[in-house]
Amino acid sequence: MERRPRILVVEDEDNIAVALDYLMTREGYDHDRVASGADALPRIRSTHPDLVLLDVMLPEVSGYEICEGIRMDPTLADVKVLMMTARGSAIERRKGLALGADGFISKPFELKDLREEVRRLLSAGA
């Protein structure tokens, strides 16, 4: 039996997290959520997800710092990072990609777009 992809959602807004939870469940992914930036890296290291859905604006530690932390850890080299930001500016995107994000999606997003981006990133690692 094929292992289901594991996704960690790092999102402090409950309403968005609930929508993501619904989508991940429907798509058949194993998923988990942390609501604060400070909890993200320890959880990523302990669970080693296939993909991290990472909000940029988080309490305590920003999504950029978390992305950088993932990329600086050689044991997490295969973890994909999809950053979510409310500000879809080119500067934000460039910064995220420069820090090693694999993809970028602007909030509010269509669930269909997010689903396609998640599938793209997971299949890229396969």
C-alpha atoms as a PDB file:
ATOM      1  CA  MET A   1       0.000   0.000   0.000  1.00  0.00           C
ATOM      2  CA  GLU A   2       1.319   3.401  -0.960  1.00  0.00           C
ATOM      3  CA  ARG A   3       2.099   5.795   1.867  1.00  0.00           C
ATOM      4  CA  ARG A   4      -0.129   8.845   1.917  1.00  0.00           C
ATOM      5  CA  PRO A   5       1.701  12.153   1.545  1.00  0.00           C
ATOM      6  CA  ARG A   6       2.135  13.992   4.853  1.00  0.00           C
ATOM      7  CA  ILE A   7       1.401  17.691   4.898  1.00  0.00           C
ATOM      8  CA  LEU A   8       1.979  20.136   7.720  1.00  0.00           C
ATOM      9  CA  VAL A   9      -0.121  23.298   7.656  1.00  0.00           C
ATOM     10  CA  VAL A  10       1.475  26.268   9.429  1.00  0.00           C
ATOM     11  CA  GLU A  11      -1.338  28.798   9.673  1.00  0.00           C
ATOM     12  CA  ASP A  12      -2.466  31.004  12.565  1.00  0.00           C
ATOM     13  CA  GLU A  13      -5.911  31.926  11.172  1.00  0.00           C
ATOM     14  CA  ASP A  14      -8.461  29.297  12.157  1.00  0.00           C
ATOM     15  CA  ASN A  15     -10.861  29.969   9.293  1.00  0.00           C
ATOM     16  CA  ILE A  16      -8.132  29.372   6.712  1.00  0.00           C
ATOM     17  CA  ALA A  17      -6.838  26.338   8.613  1.00  0.00           C
ATOM     18  CA  VAL A  18     -10.342  24.828   8.602  1.00  0.00           C
ATOM     19  CA  ALA A  19     -10.614  25.256   4.818  1.00  0.00           C
ATOM     20  CA  LEU A  20      -7.168  23.695   4.370  1.00  0.00           C
ATOM     21  CA  ASP A  21      -8.078  20.849   6.720  1.00  0.00           C
ATOM     22  CA  TYR A  22     -11.175  20.138   4.630  1.00  0.00           C
ATOM     23  CA  LEU A  23      -9.192  20.135   1.396  1.00  0.00           C
ATOM     24  CA  MET A  24      -6.379  17.932   2.754  1.00  0.00           C
ATOM     25  CA  THR A  25      -8.899  15.413   4.146  1.00  0.00           C
ATOM     26  CA  ARG A  26     -10.787  15.307   0.864  1.00  0.00           C
ATOM     27  CA  GLU A  27      -7.574  14.784  -1.079  1.00  0.00           C
ATOM     28  CA  GLY A  28      -6.619  11.895   1.201  1.00  0.00           C
ATOM     29  CA  TYR A  29      -3.455  13.418   2.681  1.00  0.00           C
ATOM     30  CA  ASP A  30      -2.176  12.808   6.190  1.00  0.00           C
ATOM     31  CA  HIS A  31      -2.059  16.291   7.652  1.00  0.00           C
ATOM     32  CA  ASP A  32      -1.443  18.215  10.787  1.00  0.00           C
ATOM     33  CA  ARG A  33      -1.435  21.867  11.763  1.00  0.00           C
ATOM     34  CA  VAL A  34       0.548  24.198  13.949  1.00  0.00           C
ATOM     35  CA  ALA A  35      -0.768  27.693  14.609  1.00  0.00           C
ATOM     36  CA  SER A  36       2.419  29.466  15.654  1.00  0.00           C
ATOM     37  CA  GLY A  37       5.712  30.056  13.934  1.00  0.00           C
ATOM     38  CA  ALA A  38       7.645  29.029  17.044  1.00  0.00           C
ATOM     39  CA  ASP A  39       6.147  25.518  16.953  1.00  0.00           C
ATOM     40  CA  ALA A  40       6.733  24.971  13.238  1.00  0.00           C
ATOM     41  CA  LEU A  41      10.391  23.917  12.964  1.00  0.00           C
ATOM     42  CA  PRO A  42      10.334  21.494  15.929  1.00  0.00           C
ATOM     43  CA  ARG A  43       7.226  19.847  14.441  1.00  0.00           C
ATOM     44  CA  ILE A  44       8.759  19.727  10.961  1.00  0.00           C
ATOM     45  CA  ARG A  45      11.888  18.071  12.363  1.00  0.00           C
ATOM     46  CA  SER A  46       9.917  15.523  14.388  1.00  0.00           C
ATOM     47  CA  THR A  47       7.360  14.563  11.705  1.00  0.00           C
ATOM     48  CA  HIS A  48       9.345  15.184   8.487  1.00  0.00           C
ATOM     49  CA  PRO A  49       6.342  16.023   6.271  1.00  0.00           C
ATOM     50  CA  ASP A  50       6.474  15.756   2.479  1.00  0.00           C
ATOM     51  CA  LEU A  51       5.111  19.281   2.154  1.00  0.00           C
ATOM     52  CA  VAL A  52       4.768  22.297   4.428  1.00  0.00           C
ATOM     53  CA  LEU A  53       1.956  24.749   3.648  1.00  0.00           C
ATOM     54  CA  LEU A  54       3.517  27.803   5.210  1.00  0.00           C
ATOM     55  CA  ASP A  55       1.854  31.103   5.967  1.00  0.00           C
ATOM     56  CA  VAL A  56       4.244  34.064   5.681  1.00  0.00           C
ATOM     57  CA  MET A  57       2.670  36.200   8.415  1.00  0.00           C
ATOM     58  CA  LEU A  58       2.841  34.231  11.658  1.00  0.00           C
ATOM     59  CA  PRO A  59       3.088  35.148  15.328  1.00  0.00           C
ATOM     60  CA  GLU A  60       6.610  34.923  16.827  1.00  0.00           C
ATOM     61  CA  VAL A  61       8.540  33.498  13.874  1.00  0.00           C
ATOM     62  CA  SER A  62       7.804  34.452  10.251  1.00  0.00           C
ATOM     63  CA  GLY A  63       7.244  32.006   7.436  1.00  0.00           C
ATOM     64  CA  TYR A  64      10.452  33.283   5.840  1.00  0.00           C
ATOM     65  CA  GLU A  65      12.485  32.343   8.920  1.00  0.00           C
ATOM     66  CA  ILE A  66      10.868  28.910   9.020  1.00  0.00           C
ATOM     67  CA  CYS A  67      11.556  28.357   5.313  1.00  0.00           C
ATOM     68  CA  GLU A  68      15.172  29.376   5.861  1.00  0.00           C
ATOM     69  CA  GLY A  69      15.403  27.009   8.843  1.00  0.00           C
ATOM     70  CA  ILE A  70      14.117  24.111   6.744  1.00  0.00           C
ATOM     71  CA  ARG A  71      16.595  24.848   3.958  1.00  0.00           C
ATOM     72  CA  MET A  72      19.531  25.128   6.365  1.00  0.00           C
ATOM     73  CA  ASP A  73      18.832  21.634   7.750  1.00  0.00           C
ATOM     74  CA  PRO A  74      20.284  18.967   5.416  1.00  0.00           C
ATOM     75  CA  THR A  75      18.013  16.301   6.929  1.00  0.00           C
ATOM     76  CA  LEU A  76      15.006  18.256   5.605  1.00  0.00           C
ATOM     77  CA  ALA A  77      16.312  18.668   2.058  1.00  0.00           C
ATOM     78  CA  ASP A  78      13.420  16.691   0.554  1.00  0.00           C
ATOM     79  CA  VAL A  79      10.679  18.684   2.345  1.00  0.00           C
ATOM     80  CA  LYS A  80       8.729  20.840  -0.118  1.00  0.00           C
ATOM     81  CA  VAL A  81       7.598  24.310   0.979  1.00  0.00           C
ATOM     82  CA  LEU A  82       4.538  26.080  -0.407  1.00  0.00           C
ATOM     83  CA  MET A  83       4.293  29.608   0.984  1.00  0.00           C
ATOM     84  CA  MET A  84       0.961  31.361   1.430  1.00  0.00           C
ATOM     85  CA  THR A  85       0.756  35.116   1.642  1.00  0.00           C
ATOM     86  CA  ALA A  86      -2.011  37.665   1.719  1.00  0.00           C
ATOM     87  CA  ARG A  87       0.249  40.034  -0.165  1.00  0.00           C
ATOM     88  CA  GLY A  88       0.826  38.622  -3.600  1.00  0.00           C
ATOM     89  CA  SER A  89       3.530  41.100  -4.523  1.00  0.00           C
ATOM     90  CA  ALA A  90       6.486  40.150  -6.670  1.00  0.00           C
ATOM     91  CA  ILE A  91       8.909  41.199  -3.907  1.00  0.00           C
ATOM     92  CA  GLU A  92       7.342  38.783  -1.389  1.00  0.00           C
ATOM     93  CA  ARG A  93       7.450  36.011  -3.967  1.00  0.00           C
ATOM     94  CA  ARG A  94      11.089  36.657  -4.860  1.00  0.00           C
ATOM     95  CA  LYS A  95      12.064  36.700  -1.208  1.00  0.00           C
ATOM     96  CA  GLY A  96      10.297  33.387  -0.564  1.00  0.00           C
ATOM     97  CA  LEU A  97      11.820  31.729  -3.619  1.00  0.00           C
ATOM     98  CA  ALA A  98      15.263  33.113  -2.737  1.00  0.00           C
ATOM     99  CA  LEU A  99      14.965  31.456   0.686  1.00  0.00           C
ATOM    100  CA  GLY A 100      14.178  28.142  -0.973  1.00  0.00           C
ATOM    101  CA  ALA A 101      10.378  27.947  -1.176  1.00  0.00           C
ATOM    102  CA  ASP A 102       9.192  25.539  -3.865  1.00  0.00           C
ATOM    103  CA  GLY A 103       6.019  27.435  -4.628  1.00  0.00           C
ATOM    104  CA  PHE A 104       3.912  30.422  -3.718  1.00  0.00           C
ATOM    105  CA  ILE A 105       0.184  31.009  -3.511  1.00  0.00           C
ATOM    106  CA  SER A 106      -1.577  34.266  -2.683  1.00  0.00           C
ATOM    107  CA  LYS A 107      -4.438  34.463  -0.201  1.00  0.00           C
ATOM    108  CA  PRO A 108      -7.317  34.392  -0.660  1.00  0.00           C
ATOM    109  CA  PHE A 109      -6.777  31.431  -2.965  1.00  0.00           C
ATOM    110  CA  GLU A 110      -9.184  29.230  -4.833  1.00  0.00           C
ATOM    111  CA  LEU A 111      -9.111  25.729  -3.338  1.00  0.00           C
ATOM    112  CA  LYS A 112      -8.767  24.356  -6.864  1.00  0.00           C
ATOM    113  CA  ASP A 113      -5.580  26.368  -7.429  1.00  0.00           C
ATOM    114  CA  LEU A 114      -4.163  25.262  -4.101  1.00  0.00           C
ATOM    115  CA  ARG A 115      -5.035  21.630  -4.794  1.00  0.00           C
ATOM    116  CA  GLU A 116      -3.232  21.774  -8.153  1.00  0.00           C
ATOM    117  CA  GLU A 117      -0.160  23.429  -6.625  1.00  0.00           C
ATOM    118  CA  VAL A 118      -0.005  20.827  -3.813  1.00  0.00           C
ATOM    119  CA  ARG A 119      -0.287  17.998  -6.346  1.00  0.00           C
ATOM    120  CA  ARG A 120       2.403  19.572  -8.526  1.00  0.00           C
ATOM    121  CA  LEU A 121       4.855  19.856  -5.636  1.00  0.00           C
ATOM    122  CA  LEU A 122       4.172  16.353  -4.326  1.00  0.00           C
ATOM    123  CA  SER A 123       4.600  14.793  -7.757  1.00  0.00           C
ATOM    124  CA  ALA A 124       7.805  16.777  -8.319  1.00  0.00           C
ATOM    125  CA  GLY A 125       9.353  14.967  -5.379  1.00  0.00           C
ATOM    126  CA  ALA A 126       8.220  11.534  -6.517  1.00  0.00           C
END
